[in-house]
PDB file of N, CA and C in Angstrom:
ATOM      1  N   MET A   1       0.848  -1.478   0.459  1.00  0.00           N
ATOM      2  CA  MET A   1       0.019  -0.377   0.014  1.00  0.00           C
ATOM      3  C   MET A   1       1.164   1.018   0.137  1.00  0.00           C
ATOM      4  N   ARG A   2       2.291   1.520   0.963  1.00  0.00           N
ATOM      5  CA  ARG A   2       2.823   2.118   0.541  1.00  0.00           C
ATOM      6  C   ARG A   2       3.071   2.507  -0.784  1.00  0.00           C
ATOM      7  N   ARG A   3       4.082   2.161  -1.281  1.00  0.00           N
ATOM      8  CA  ARG A   3       4.867   1.791  -2.361  1.00  0.00           C
ATOM      9  C   ARG A   3       3.839   2.022  -3.555  1.00  0.00           C
ATOM     10  N   ILE A   4       2.637   2.071  -3.813  1.00  0.00           N
ATOM     11  CA  ILE A   4       1.546   2.779  -4.778  1.00  0.00           C
ATOM     12  C   ILE A   4       1.291   3.431  -4.533  1.00  0.00           C
ATOM     13  N   SER A   5       1.443   3.980  -3.214  1.00  0.00           N
ATOM     14  CA  SER A   5       0.933   5.740  -2.210  1.00  0.00           C
ATOM     15  C   SER A   5       3.147   6.281  -3.041  1.00  0.00           C
ATOM     16  N   ALA A   6       3.476   5.526  -3.237  1.00  0.00           N
ATOM     17  CA  ALA A   6       4.815   6.508  -3.429  1.00  0.00           C
ATOM     18  C   ALA A   6       5.151   6.583  -4.972  1.00  0.00           C
ATOM     19  N   VAL A   7       5.025   5.346  -5.236  1.00  0.00           N
ATOM     20  CA  VAL A   7       4.866   5.564  -7.042  1.00  0.00           C
ATOM     21  C   VAL A   7       3.418   7.202  -7.115  1.00  0.00           C
ATOM     22  N   LEU A   8       2.261   6.564  -6.754  1.00  0.00           N
ATOM     23  CA  LEU A   8       1.898   7.743  -7.051  1.00  0.00           C
ATOM     24  C   LEU A   8       2.029   8.994  -7.185  1.00  0.00           C
ATOM     25  N   ALA A   9       2.312   8.998  -5.823  1.00  0.00           N
ATOM     26  CA  ALA A   9       3.087  10.691  -5.124  1.00  0.00           C
ATOM     27  C   ALA A   9       4.196  11.585  -6.783  1.00  0.00           C
ATOM     28  N   ALA A  10       4.549  10.094  -6.735  1.00  0.00           N
ATOM     29  CA  ALA A  10       6.203  10.767  -7.204  1.00  0.00           C
ATOM     30  C   ALA A  10       5.541  11.256  -8.956  1.00  0.00           C
ATOM     31  N   ALA A  11       4.411  10.242  -9.123  1.00  0.00           N
ATOM     32  CA  ALA A  11       4.224  10.057 -10.681  1.00  0.00           C
ATOM     33  C   ALA A  11       3.267  11.880 -11.084  1.00  0.00           C
ATOM     34  N   GLY A  12       2.416  12.528  -9.138  1.00  0.00           N
ATOM     35  CA  GLY A  12       1.875  13.642  -9.691  1.00  0.00           C
ATOM     36  C   GLY A  12       3.401  14.209  -9.505  1.00  0.00           C
ATOM     37  N   ALA A  13       4.188  14.483  -8.972  1.00  0.00           N
ATOM     38  CA  ALA A  13       5.372  15.253  -8.917  1.00  0.00           C
ATOM     39  C   ALA A  13       5.462  15.323 -10.048  1.00  0.00           C
ATOM     40  N   GLY A  14       6.034  14.275 -10.179  1.00  0.00           N
ATOM     41  CA  GLY A  14       7.263  14.560 -11.872  1.00  0.00           C
ATOM     42  C   GLY A  14       5.779  14.904 -13.362  1.00  0.00           C
ATOM     43  N   LEU A  15       4.510  14.932 -12.475  1.00  0.00           N
ATOM     44  CA  LEU A  15       3.847  15.217 -13.874  1.00  0.00           C
ATOM     45  C   LEU A  15       3.691  17.384 -12.997  1.00  0.00           C
ATOM     46  N   LEU A  16       3.689  17.391 -11.775  1.00  0.00           N
ATOM     47  CA  LEU A  16       3.178  18.029 -12.080  1.00  0.00           C
ATOM     48  C   LEU A  16       5.147  19.541 -12.649  1.00  0.00           C
ATOM     49  N   ALA A  17       5.469  19.451 -12.067  1.00  0.00           N
ATOM     50  CA  ALA A  17       6.637  19.739 -12.163  1.00  0.00           C
ATOM     51  C   ALA A  17       7.624  19.865 -13.642  1.00  0.00           C
ATOM     52  N   TRP A  18       7.059  19.088 -14.486  1.00  0.00           N
ATOM     53  CA  TRP A  18       6.702  18.682 -15.895  1.00  0.00           C
ATOM     54  C   TRP A  18       5.810  20.116 -16.251  1.00  0.00           C
ATOM     55  N   VAL A  19       4.812  20.561 -15.405  1.00  0.00           N
ATOM     56  CA  VAL A  19       3.498  21.345 -16.089  1.00  0.00           C
ATOM     57  C   VAL A  19       4.240  23.099 -15.666  1.00  0.00           C
ATOM     58  N   VAL A  20       5.085  22.458 -14.679  1.00  0.00           N
ATOM     59  CA  VAL A  20       5.428  24.644 -14.348  1.00  0.00           C
ATOM     60  C   VAL A  20       6.322  24.473 -15.294  1.00  0.00           C
ATOM     61  N   ALA A  21       7.695  23.718 -14.980  1.00  0.00           N
ATOM     62  CA  ALA A  21       8.827  24.368 -15.874  1.00  0.00           C
ATOM     63  C   ALA A  21       8.503  23.944 -17.492  1.00  0.00           C
ATOM     64  N   ALA A  22       8.001  22.989 -18.226  1.00  0.00           N
ATOM     65  CA  ALA A  22       7.630  23.285 -19.564  1.00  0.00           C
ATOM     66  C   ALA A  22       6.753  24.957 -19.684  1.00  0.00           C
ATOM     67  N   PRO A  23       6.582  25.714 -19.298  1.00  0.00           N
ATOM     68  CA  PRO A  23       6.319  26.819 -20.604  1.00  0.00           C
ATOM     69  C   PRO A  23       8.002  27.634 -20.533  1.00  0.00           C
ATOM     70  N   ALA A  24       8.477  27.366 -19.225  1.00  0.00           N
ATOM     71  CA  ALA A  24       9.229  28.129 -18.918  1.00  0.00           C
ATOM     72  C   ALA A  24      10.422  27.936 -19.611  1.00  0.00           C
ATOM     73  N   ALA A  25      11.010  26.666 -20.293  1.00  0.00           N
ATOM     74  CA  ALA A  25      11.481  25.779 -20.407  1.00  0.00           C
ATOM     75  C   ALA A  25      12.119  26.379 -22.500  1.00  0.00           C
ATOM     76  N   PHE A  26      10.864  25.785 -22.787  1.00  0.00           N
ATOM     77  CA  PHE A  26      10.996  27.235 -24.244  1.00  0.00           C
ATOM     78  C   PHE A  26      10.540  28.578 -24.361  1.00  0.00           C
ATOM     79  N   ALA A  27      10.427  29.260 -23.239  1.00  0.00           N
ATOM     80  CA  ALA A  27      10.845  30.517 -23.176  1.00  0.00           C
ATOM     81  C   ALA A  27      12.024  31.427 -23.852  1.00  0.00           C
ATOM     82  N   GLY A  28      12.867  30.285 -23.962  1.00  0.00           N
ATOM     83  CA  GLY A  28      14.363  31.380 -24.457  1.00  0.00           C
ATOM     84  C   GLY A  28      14.673  31.165 -25.781  1.00  0.00           C
ATOM     85  N   ALA A  29      14.068  30.231 -26.369  1.00  0.00           N
ATOM     86  CA  ALA A  29      14.450  30.424 -28.393  1.00  0.00           C
ATOM     87  C   ALA A  29      15.171  31.823 -28.612  1.00  0.00           C
ATOM     88  N   ARG A  30      15.983  31.519 -29.370  1.00  0.00           N
ATOM     89  CA  ARG A  30      16.332  32.902 -29.796  1.00  0.00           C
ATOM     90  C   ARG A  30      17.555  32.076 -31.077  1.00  0.00           C
ATOM     91  N   PRO A  31      17.031  33.390 -32.680  1.00  0.00           N
ATOM     92  CA  PRO A  31      17.110  32.552 -33.821  1.00  0.00           C
ATOM     93  C   PRO A  31      18.626  32.954 -33.860  1.00  0.00           C
ATOM     94  N   TYR A  32      18.730  31.432 -34.780  1.00  0.00           N
ATOM     95  CA  TYR A  32      20.717  31.796 -35.471  1.00  0.00           C
ATOM     96  C   TYR A  32      20.714  31.834 -36.796  1.00  0.00           C
ATOM     97  N   LEU A  33      21.550  32.779 -36.946  1.00  0.00           N
ATOM     98  CA  LEU A  33      22.336  32.771 -38.991  1.00  0.00           C
ATOM     99  C   LEU A  33      23.415  32.111 -39.393  1.00  0.00           C
ATOM    100  N   VAL A  34      22.987  31.454 -40.407  1.00  0.00           N
ATOM    101  CA  VAL A  34      23.988  30.621 -41.382  1.00  0.00           C
ATOM    102  C   VAL A  34      25.499  31.266 -41.581  1.00  0.00           C
ATOM    103  N   GLY A  35      25.908  32.076 -41.204  1.00  0.00           N
ATOM    104  CA  GLY A  35      26.881  32.415 -41.850  1.00  0.00           C
ATOM    105  C   GLY A  35      27.672  32.127 -42.733  1.00  0.00           C
ATOM    106  N   GLU A  36      29.766  33.393 -42.948  1.00  0.00           N
ATOM    107  CA  GLU A  36      30.573  32.924 -43.788  1.00  0.00           C
ATOM    108  C   GLU A  36      31.428  32.303 -41.768  1.00  0.00           C
ATOM    109  N   ASN A  37      31.104  32.903 -41.236  1.00  0.00           N
ATOM    110  CA  ASN A  37      32.182  32.284 -39.830  1.00  0.00           C
ATOM    111  C   ASN A  37      31.250  31.079 -38.996  1.00  0.00           C
ATOM    112  N   GLY A  38      30.369  30.300 -39.550  1.00  0.00           N
ATOM    113  CA  GLY A  38      29.722  29.222 -38.871  1.00  0.00           C
ATOM    114  C   GLY A  38      27.833  29.880 -38.221  1.00  0.00           C
ATOM    115  N   PRO A  39      28.063  29.405 -37.797  1.00  0.00           N
ATOM    116  CA  PRO A  39      26.186  29.984 -37.221  1.00  0.00           C
ATOM    117  C   PRO A  39      26.898  30.873 -35.530  1.00  0.00           C
ATOM    118  N   SER A  40      26.003  31.686 -35.573  1.00  0.00           N
ATOM    119  CA  SER A  40      25.843  33.050 -34.846  1.00  0.00           C
ATOM    120  C   SER A  40      24.214  33.390 -34.414  1.00  0.00           C
ATOM    121  N   SER A  41      25.121  33.336 -32.972  1.00  0.00           N
ATOM    122  CA  SER A  41      23.379  34.367 -32.604  1.00  0.00           C
ATOM    123  C   SER A  41      23.044  35.251 -33.408  1.00  0.00           C
ATOM    124  N   ALA A  42      21.802  35.057 -33.373  1.00  0.00           N
ATOM    125  CA  ALA A  42      21.590  36.816 -34.536  1.00  0.00           C
ATOM    126  C   ALA A  42      20.224  37.422 -33.052  1.00  0.00           C
ATOM    127  N   PRO A  43      20.722  39.347 -34.152  1.00  0.00           N
ATOM    128  CA  PRO A  43      20.694  39.730 -33.176  1.00  0.00           C
ATOM    129  C   PRO A  43      18.962  39.989 -33.254  1.00  0.00           C
ATOM    130  N   PRO A  44      18.074  40.406 -32.646  1.00  0.00           N
ATOM    131  CA  PRO A  44      16.606  40.267 -32.790  1.00  0.00           C
ATOM    132  C   PRO A  44      16.547  41.234 -33.581  1.00  0.00           C
ATOM    133  N   GLY A  45      15.693  41.339 -34.145  1.00  0.00           N
ATOM    134  CA  GLY A  45      15.139  42.188 -36.141  1.00  0.00           C
ATOM    135  C   GLY A  45      13.661  42.991 -35.355  1.00  0.00           C
ATOM    136  N   PRO A  46      13.032  43.583 -36.134  1.00  0.00           N
ATOM    137  CA  PRO A  46      11.817  44.069 -35.436  1.00  0.00           C
ATOM    138  C   PRO A  46      11.028  43.229 -35.435  1.00  0.00           C
ATOM    139  N   ARG A  47      10.323  43.475 -34.322  1.00  0.00           N
ATOM    140  CA  ARG A  47       9.242  42.718 -34.240  1.00  0.00           C
ATOM    141  C   ARG A  47       7.642  43.515 -35.084  1.00  0.00           C
ATOM    142  N   THR A  48       7.040  42.011 -35.378  1.00  0.00           N
ATOM    143  CA  THR A  48       5.663  42.466 -35.586  1.00  0.00           C
ATOM    144  C   THR A  48       5.007  41.932 -34.709  1.00  0.00           C
ATOM    145  N   VAL A  49       4.120  43.069 -34.556  1.00  0.00           N
ATOM    146  CA  VAL A  49       2.981  42.648 -33.219  1.00  0.00           C
ATOM    147  C   VAL A  49       1.845  41.583 -33.831  1.00  0.00           C
ATOM    148  N   ILE A  50       1.762  40.830 -33.158  1.00  0.00           N
ATOM    149  CA  ILE A  50       0.208  39.935 -33.850  1.00  0.00           C
ATOM    150  C   ILE A  50      -0.578  40.150 -32.435  1.00  0.00           C
ATOM    151  N   HIS A  51      -1.994  40.670 -32.656  1.00  0.00           N
ATOM    152  CA  HIS A  51      -2.862  40.137 -31.891  1.00  0.00           C
ATOM    153  C   HIS A  51      -4.053  39.142 -32.153  1.00  0.00           C
ATOM    154  N   VAL A  52      -3.745  38.629 -31.008  1.00  0.00           N
ATOM    155  CA  VAL A  52      -4.368  37.386 -30.396  1.00  0.00           C
ATOM    156  C   VAL A  52      -5.440  37.540 -30.270  1.00  0.00           C
ATOM    157  N   VAL A  53      -6.952  36.755 -30.658  1.00  0.00           N
ATOM    158  CA  VAL A  53      -7.973  37.024 -30.127  1.00  0.00           C
ATOM    159  C   VAL A  53      -9.180  35.829 -29.215  1.00  0.00           C
ATOM    160  N   GLN A  54      -8.425  35.589 -28.291  1.00  0.00           N
ATOM    161  CA  GLN A  54      -9.792  34.374 -28.017  1.00  0.00           C
ATOM    162  C   GLN A  54     -10.257  34.598 -27.512  1.00  0.00           C
ATOM    163  N   ALA A  55     -10.875  34.096 -27.758  1.00  0.00           N
ATOM    164  CA  ALA A  55     -12.613  34.410 -26.801  1.00  0.00           C
ATOM    165  C   ALA A  55     -12.618  34.010 -24.835  1.00  0.00           C
ATOM    166  N   GLY A  56     -11.805  33.172 -24.786  1.00  0.00           N
ATOM    167  CA  GLY A  56     -11.982  32.511 -23.429  1.00  0.00           C
ATOM    168  C   GLY A  56     -11.412  30.537 -23.815  1.00  0.00           C
ATOM    169  N   GLY A  57     -11.256  29.924 -22.628  1.00  0.00           N
ATOM    170  CA  GLY A  57     -11.027  28.462 -22.982  1.00  0.00           C
ATOM    171  C   GLY A  57     -10.002  28.345 -22.146  1.00  0.00           C
ATOM    172  N   MET A  58      -9.450  26.540 -22.492  1.00  0.00           N
ATOM    173  CA  MET A  58      -8.043  26.490 -21.906  1.00  0.00           C
ATOM    174  C   MET A  58      -7.012  25.224 -22.485  1.00  0.00           C
ATOM    175  N   PRO A  59      -5.461  25.592 -23.033  1.00  0.00           N
ATOM    176  CA  PRO A  59      -4.292  25.261 -23.580  1.00  0.00           C
ATOM    177  C   PRO A  59      -4.845  23.774 -23.367  1.00  0.00           C
ATOM    178  N   GLY A  60      -4.274  23.255 -24.480  1.00  0.00           N
ATOM    179  CA  GLY A  60      -5.041  22.207 -24.721  1.00  0.00           C
ATOM    180  C   GLY A  60      -3.480  21.280 -23.418  1.00  0.00           C
ATOM    181  N   TRP A  61      -2.823  22.072 -23.328  1.00  0.00           N
ATOM    182  CA  TRP A  61      -1.738  20.971 -22.366  1.00  0.00           C
ATOM    183  C   TRP A  61      -1.811  20.788 -20.919  1.00  0.00           C
ATOM    184  N   GLN A  62      -3.326  21.902 -20.390  1.00  0.00           N
ATOM    185  CA  GLN A  62      -3.882  22.247 -19.422  1.00  0.00           C
ATOM    186  C   GLN A  62      -4.811  21.088 -19.403  1.00  0.00           C
ATOM    187  N   ILE A  63      -5.773  20.651 -19.612  1.00  0.00           N
ATOM    188  CA  ILE A  63      -7.509  19.646 -20.076  1.00  0.00           C
ATOM    189  C   ILE A  63      -5.827  18.596 -20.566  1.00  0.00           C
ATOM    190  N   ALA A  64      -5.226  18.378 -21.166  1.00  0.00           N
ATOM    191  CA  ALA A  64      -3.985  16.745 -20.855  1.00  0.00           C
ATOM    192  C   ALA A  64      -3.649  16.991 -19.263  1.00  0.00           C
ATOM    193  N   ALA A  65      -3.131  18.354 -19.012  1.00  0.00           N
ATOM    194  CA  ALA A  65      -2.953  18.145 -16.807  1.00  0.00           C
ATOM    195  C   ALA A  65      -3.785  17.537 -16.469  1.00  0.00           C
ATOM    196  N   ILE A  66      -5.078  17.747 -16.669  1.00  0.00           N
ATOM    197  CA  ILE A  66      -6.201  17.342 -15.668  1.00  0.00           C
ATOM    198  C   ILE A  66      -6.824  16.364 -16.209  1.00  0.00           C
ATOM    199  N   ALA A  67      -6.446  16.279 -17.097  1.00  0.00           N
ATOM    200  CA  ALA A  67      -6.878  14.346 -17.770  1.00  0.00           C
ATOM    201  C   ALA A  67      -5.610  13.416 -16.619  1.00  0.00           C
ATOM    202  N   VAL A  68      -4.376  13.723 -16.998  1.00  0.00           N
ATOM    203  CA  VAL A  68      -3.963  12.776 -16.333  1.00  0.00           C
ATOM    204  C   VAL A  68      -4.361  12.886 -15.042  1.00  0.00           C
ATOM    205  N   ALA A  69      -3.875  13.870 -14.222  1.00  0.00           N
ATOM    206  CA  ALA A  69      -4.076  13.924 -12.916  1.00  0.00           C
ATOM    207  C   ALA A  69      -5.262  13.149 -12.590  1.00  0.00           C
ATOM    208  N   ALA A  70      -6.733  13.033 -12.574  1.00  0.00           N
ATOM    209  CA  ALA A  70      -7.697  12.850 -12.464  1.00  0.00           C
ATOM    210  C   ALA A  70      -7.673  10.858 -13.317  1.00  0.00           C
ATOM    211  N   ALA A  71      -7.176  10.823 -13.819  1.00  0.00           N
ATOM    212  CA  ALA A  71      -6.614   9.122 -14.129  1.00  0.00           C
ATOM    213  C   ALA A  71      -5.934   8.560 -13.671  1.00  0.00           C
ATOM    214  N   LEU A  72      -5.179   9.209 -12.201  1.00  0.00           N
ATOM    215  CA  LEU A  72      -4.185   8.866 -11.443  1.00  0.00           C
ATOM    216  C   LEU A  72      -4.461   8.888 -10.403  1.00  0.00           C
ATOM    217  N   ALA A  73      -5.791   9.707 -10.319  1.00  0.00           N
ATOM    218  CA  ALA A  73      -6.417  10.034  -8.714  1.00  0.00           C
ATOM    219  C   ALA A  73      -7.869   9.001  -8.711  1.00  0.00           C
ATOM    220  N   ALA A  74      -8.218   8.102  -9.243  1.00  0.00           N
ATOM    221  CA  ALA A  74      -9.367   7.425  -9.781  1.00  0.00           C
ATOM    222  C   ALA A  74      -8.509   6.295  -9.868  1.00  0.00           C
ATOM    223  N   ALA A  75      -7.167   5.885 -10.586  1.00  0.00           N
ATOM    224  CA  ALA A  75      -6.890   4.875 -10.465  1.00  0.00           C
ATOM    225  C   ALA A  75      -6.891   4.772  -8.653  1.00  0.00           C
ATOM    226  N   ALA A  76      -6.178   5.373  -8.572  1.00  0.00           N
ATOM    227  CA  ALA A  76      -5.612   5.112  -6.399  1.00  0.00           C
ATOM    228  C   ALA A  76      -6.902   5.546  -5.813  1.00  0.00           C
ATOM    229  N   ALA A  77      -8.037   5.678  -5.779  1.00  0.00           N
ATOM    230  CA  ALA A  77      -9.206   5.214  -4.650  1.00  0.00           C
ATOM    231  C   ALA A  77      -9.359   4.396  -5.575  1.00  0.00           C
ATOM    232  N   ALA A  78      -9.749   3.791  -6.324  1.00  0.00           N
ATOM    233  CA  ALA A  78      -9.926   2.085  -7.556  1.00  0.00           C
ATOM    234  C   ALA A  78      -9.302   1.040  -6.344  1.00  0.00           C
ATOM    235  N   VAL A  79      -8.128   1.440  -6.500  1.00  0.00           N
ATOM    236  CA  VAL A  79      -6.493   0.378  -5.700  1.00  0.00           C
ATOM    237  C   VAL A  79      -7.342   0.105  -3.782  1.00  0.00           C
ATOM    238  N   PHE A  80      -7.131   1.759  -3.976  1.00  0.00           N
ATOM    239  CA  PHE A  80      -7.179   2.023  -2.276  1.00  0.00           C
ATOM    240  C   PHE A  80      -9.126   1.414  -1.918  1.00  0.00           C
ATOM    241  N   LEU A  81     -10.018   1.339  -2.442  1.00  0.00           N
ATOM    242  CA  LEU A  81     -11.190   0.599  -1.836  1.00  0.00           C
ATOM    243  C   LEU A  81     -11.459  -1.133  -2.254  1.00  0.00           C
ATOM    244  N   ASP A  82     -10.741  -1.000  -3.058  1.00  0.00           N
ATOM    245  CA  ASP A  82     -10.063  -3.196  -3.634  1.00  0.00           C
ATOM    246  C   ASP A  82      -9.799  -3.670  -2.594  1.00  0.00           C
ATOM    247  N   ARG A  83      -8.880  -2.655  -2.419  1.00  0.00           N
ATOM    248  CA  ARG A  83      -7.884  -3.811  -0.702  1.00  0.00           C
ATOM    249  C   ARG A  83      -8.765  -3.321   0.508  1.00  0.00           C
ATOM    250  N   ALA A  84      -9.579  -2.104   0.809  1.00  0.00           N
ATOM    251  CA  ALA A  84     -10.132  -2.014   1.803  1.00  0.00           C
ATOM    252  C   ALA A  84     -11.860  -3.012   1.759  1.00  0.00           C
ATOM    253  N   TRP A  85     -12.265  -3.202   0.598  1.00  0.00           N
ATOM    254  CA  TRP A  85     -13.086  -3.989   0.279  1.00  0.00           C
ATOM    255  C   TRP A  85     -12.875  -5.559   0.445  1.00  0.00           C
ATOM    256  N   SER A  86     -11.661  -6.402   0.087  1.00  0.00           N
ATOM    257  CA  SER A  86     -11.108  -7.655   0.176  1.00  0.00           C
ATOM    258  C   SER A  86     -10.520  -7.824   1.279  1.00  0.00           C
ATOM    259  N   HIS A  87     -10.459  -6.343   2.069  1.00  0.00           N
ATOM    260  CA  HIS A  87     -10.513  -6.867   3.613  1.00  0.00           C
ATOM    261  C   HIS A  87     -11.507  -8.046   4.628  1.00  0.00           C
ATOM    262  N   ARG A  88     -11.800  -6.809   4.134  1.00  0.00           N
ATOM    263  CA  ARG A  88     -13.900  -6.945   4.673  1.00  0.00           C
ATOM    264  C   ARG A  88     -14.272  -8.533   4.221  1.00  0.00           C
ATOM    265  N   SER A  89     -14.326  -9.600   6.437  1.00  0.00           N
ATOM    266  CA  SER A  89     -14.952 -10.473   5.912  1.00  0.00           C
ATOM    267  C   SER A  89     -16.054 -10.951   5.996  1.00  0.00           C
ATOM    268  N   THR A  90     -16.192 -11.294   5.049  1.00  0.00           N
ATOM    269  CA  THR A  90     -18.308 -12.480   4.610  1.00  0.00           C
ATOM    270  C   THR A  90     -18.335 -13.553   5.365  1.00  0.00           C
ATOM    271  N   ALA A  91     -19.519 -13.533   5.008  1.00  0.00           N
ATOM    272  CA  ALA A  91     -20.635 -14.607   6.293  1.00  0.00           C
ATOM    273  C   ALA A  91     -20.253 -15.799   5.178  1.00  0.00           C
ATOM    274  N   HIS A  92     -19.941 -17.357   5.564  1.00  0.00           N
ATOM    275  CA  HIS A  92     -19.806 -18.115   5.213  1.00  0.00           C
ATOM    276  C   HIS A  92     -21.103 -19.613   5.239  1.00  0.00           C
ATOM    277  N   ALA A  93     -21.321 -19.711   4.672  1.00  0.00           N
ATOM    278  CA  ALA A  93     -22.282 -20.886   5.125  1.00  0.00           C
ATOM    279  C   ALA A  93     -22.013 -22.556   5.544  1.00  0.00           C
ATOM    280  N   ALA A  94     -22.254 -22.302   6.470  1.00  0.00           N
ATOM    281  CA  ALA A  94     -21.297 -23.723   7.229  1.00  0.00           C
ATOM    282  C   ALA A  94     -22.333 -24.997   6.453  1.00  0.00           C
TER     283      ALA A  94
END
């Protein structure tokens, strides 16, 4: 029982760390130019303004994270309930 709890806690912590770190990990993309001396980092060019119209909703990665967390919670609850019900003694006819 403790091993299952530890595995589920580790999986949940790993998922939470991935969800928190993913936006920060992809934020530092720098463009590269290939010139005469090989690849070098390019200075930022003129920025174009892009207006994103979003009426509401939730990004796909958040939906996926919620679905995975709900599946893990349901699996943990099923295991705990199964073990609790299996230890219950039943009356046997003699």
